[in-house]
Amino acid sequence: MTLQLKVPKLVCSGCVDTVTKAIQTVDANATVHANPKTKLVSVETQASNRAIEAAIAAVGYTSV
């Protein structure tokens, strides 16, 4: 399934790396595309929406 999340604190490539790694701890095979300009994160994953949001929150980011 593909999830589209808005992550307001996503501002640089470092943020993208942090969020990507967090998501891949939940689903190692997840494909993550994040854009710090639009603050959008697109995730192709088998994990639940809650699990992905929890992983993002665990590294200090919130999604809406």
C-alpha atoms as a PDB file:
ATOM      1  CA  MET A   1       0.000   0.000   0.000  1.00  0.00           C
ATOM      2  CA  THR A   2       1.102   3.576  -0.555  1.00  0.00           C
ATOM      3  CA  LEU A   3       0.880   6.113   2.242  1.00  0.00           C
ATOM      4  CA  GLN A   4       1.056   9.876   1.764  1.00  0.00           C
ATOM      5  CA  LEU A   5       2.062  11.781   4.889  1.00  0.00           C
ATOM      6  CA  LYS A   6       2.737  15.443   5.513  1.00  0.00           C
ATOM      7  CA  VAL A   7       5.684  15.926   7.887  1.00  0.00           C
ATOM      8  CA  PRO A   8       5.900  19.651   8.751  1.00  0.00           C
ATOM      9  CA  LYS A   9       9.392  19.475  10.329  1.00  0.00           C
ATOM     10  CA  LEU A  10      10.935  17.891   7.217  1.00  0.00           C
ATOM     11  CA  VAL A  11      13.301  20.677   6.147  1.00  0.00           C
ATOM     12  CA  CYS A  12      16.551  19.186   4.808  1.00  0.00           C
ATOM     13  CA  SER A  13      18.212  16.096   3.372  1.00  0.00           C
ATOM     14  CA  GLY A  14      19.299  15.091   6.882  1.00  0.00           C
ATOM     15  CA  CYS A  15      15.658  15.057   7.938  1.00  0.00           C
ATOM     16  CA  VAL A  16      14.807  12.934   4.908  1.00  0.00           C
ATOM     17  CA  ASP A  17      17.544  10.437   5.826  1.00  0.00           C
ATOM     18  CA  THR A  18      16.374  10.248   9.442  1.00  0.00           C
ATOM     19  CA  VAL A  19      12.733   9.688   8.503  1.00  0.00           C
ATOM     20  CA  THR A  20      13.651   7.168   5.795  1.00  0.00           C
ATOM     21  CA  LYS A  21      15.792   5.121   8.182  1.00  0.00           C
ATOM     22  CA  ALA A  22      13.053   5.210  10.828  1.00  0.00           C
ATOM     23  CA  ILE A  23      10.472   3.920   8.350  1.00  0.00           C
ATOM     24  CA  GLN A  24      12.824   1.190   7.159  1.00  0.00           C
ATOM     25  CA  THR A  25      13.228  -0.086  10.732  1.00  0.00           C
ATOM     26  CA  VAL A  26       9.530  -0.979  10.574  1.00  0.00           C
ATOM     27  CA  ASP A  27       9.614  -2.279   6.983  1.00  0.00           C
ATOM     28  CA  ALA A  28      13.073  -2.927   5.562  1.00  0.00           C
ATOM     29  CA  ASN A  29      11.599  -3.230   2.072  1.00  0.00           C
ATOM     30  CA  ALA A  30       9.690   0.058   2.187  1.00  0.00           C
ATOM     31  CA  THR A  31      10.257   2.515  -0.624  1.00  0.00           C
ATOM     32  CA  VAL A  32      10.370   6.061   0.720  1.00  0.00           C
ATOM     33  CA  HIS A  33      10.210   9.284  -1.275  1.00  0.00           C
ATOM     34  CA  ALA A  34      10.404  12.446   0.802  1.00  0.00           C
ATOM     35  CA  ASN A  35      10.470  16.046  -0.363  1.00  0.00           C
ATOM     36  CA  PRO A  36      11.580  18.683   2.154  1.00  0.00           C
ATOM     37  CA  LYS A  37      10.179  21.493  -0.013  1.00  0.00           C
ATOM     38  CA  THR A  38       6.621  20.146  -0.019  1.00  0.00           C
ATOM     39  CA  LYS A  39       6.985  18.336   3.358  1.00  0.00           C
ATOM     40  CA  LEU A  40       5.425  15.233   1.773  1.00  0.00           C
ATOM     41  CA  VAL A  41       6.554  11.680   2.427  1.00  0.00           C
ATOM     42  CA  SER A  42       5.318   8.892   0.167  1.00  0.00           C
ATOM     43  CA  VAL A  43       5.830   5.362   1.459  1.00  0.00           C
ATOM     44  CA  GLU A  44       5.242   2.112  -0.390  1.00  0.00           C
ATOM     45  CA  THR A  45       5.001  -0.405   2.443  1.00  0.00           C
ATOM     46  CA  GLN A  46       3.336  -3.489   3.849  1.00  0.00           C
ATOM     47  CA  ALA A  47       3.379  -1.978   7.366  1.00  0.00           C
ATOM     48  CA  SER A  48       0.346  -0.277   8.860  1.00  0.00           C
ATOM     49  CA  ASN A  49      -0.182   3.460   8.796  1.00  0.00           C
ATOM     50  CA  ARG A  50       0.061   3.513  12.604  1.00  0.00           C
ATOM     51  CA  ALA A  51       3.400   1.684  12.575  1.00  0.00           C
ATOM     52  CA  ILE A  52       4.863   4.133  10.049  1.00  0.00           C
ATOM     53  CA  GLU A  53       3.582   7.160  11.971  1.00  0.00           C
ATOM     54  CA  ALA A  54       4.963   5.719  15.229  1.00  0.00           C
ATOM     55  CA  ALA A  55       8.381   5.201  13.640  1.00  0.00           C
ATOM     56  CA  ILE A  56       8.414   8.798  12.407  1.00  0.00           C
ATOM     57  CA  ALA A  57       7.327  10.069  15.835  1.00  0.00           C
ATOM     58  CA  ALA A  58      10.041   8.004  17.549  1.00  0.00           C
ATOM     59  CA  VAL A  59      12.725  10.053  15.796  1.00  0.00           C
ATOM     60  CA  GLY A  60      11.120  13.390  16.691  1.00  0.00           C
ATOM     61  CA  TYR A  61       8.865  14.143  13.731  1.00  0.00           C
ATOM     62  CA  THR A  62       5.096  14.303  13.536  1.00  0.00           C
ATOM     63  CA  SER A  63       2.930  13.528  10.567  1.00  0.00           C
ATOM     64  CA  VAL A  64      -0.475  14.912   9.697  1.00  0.00           C
END
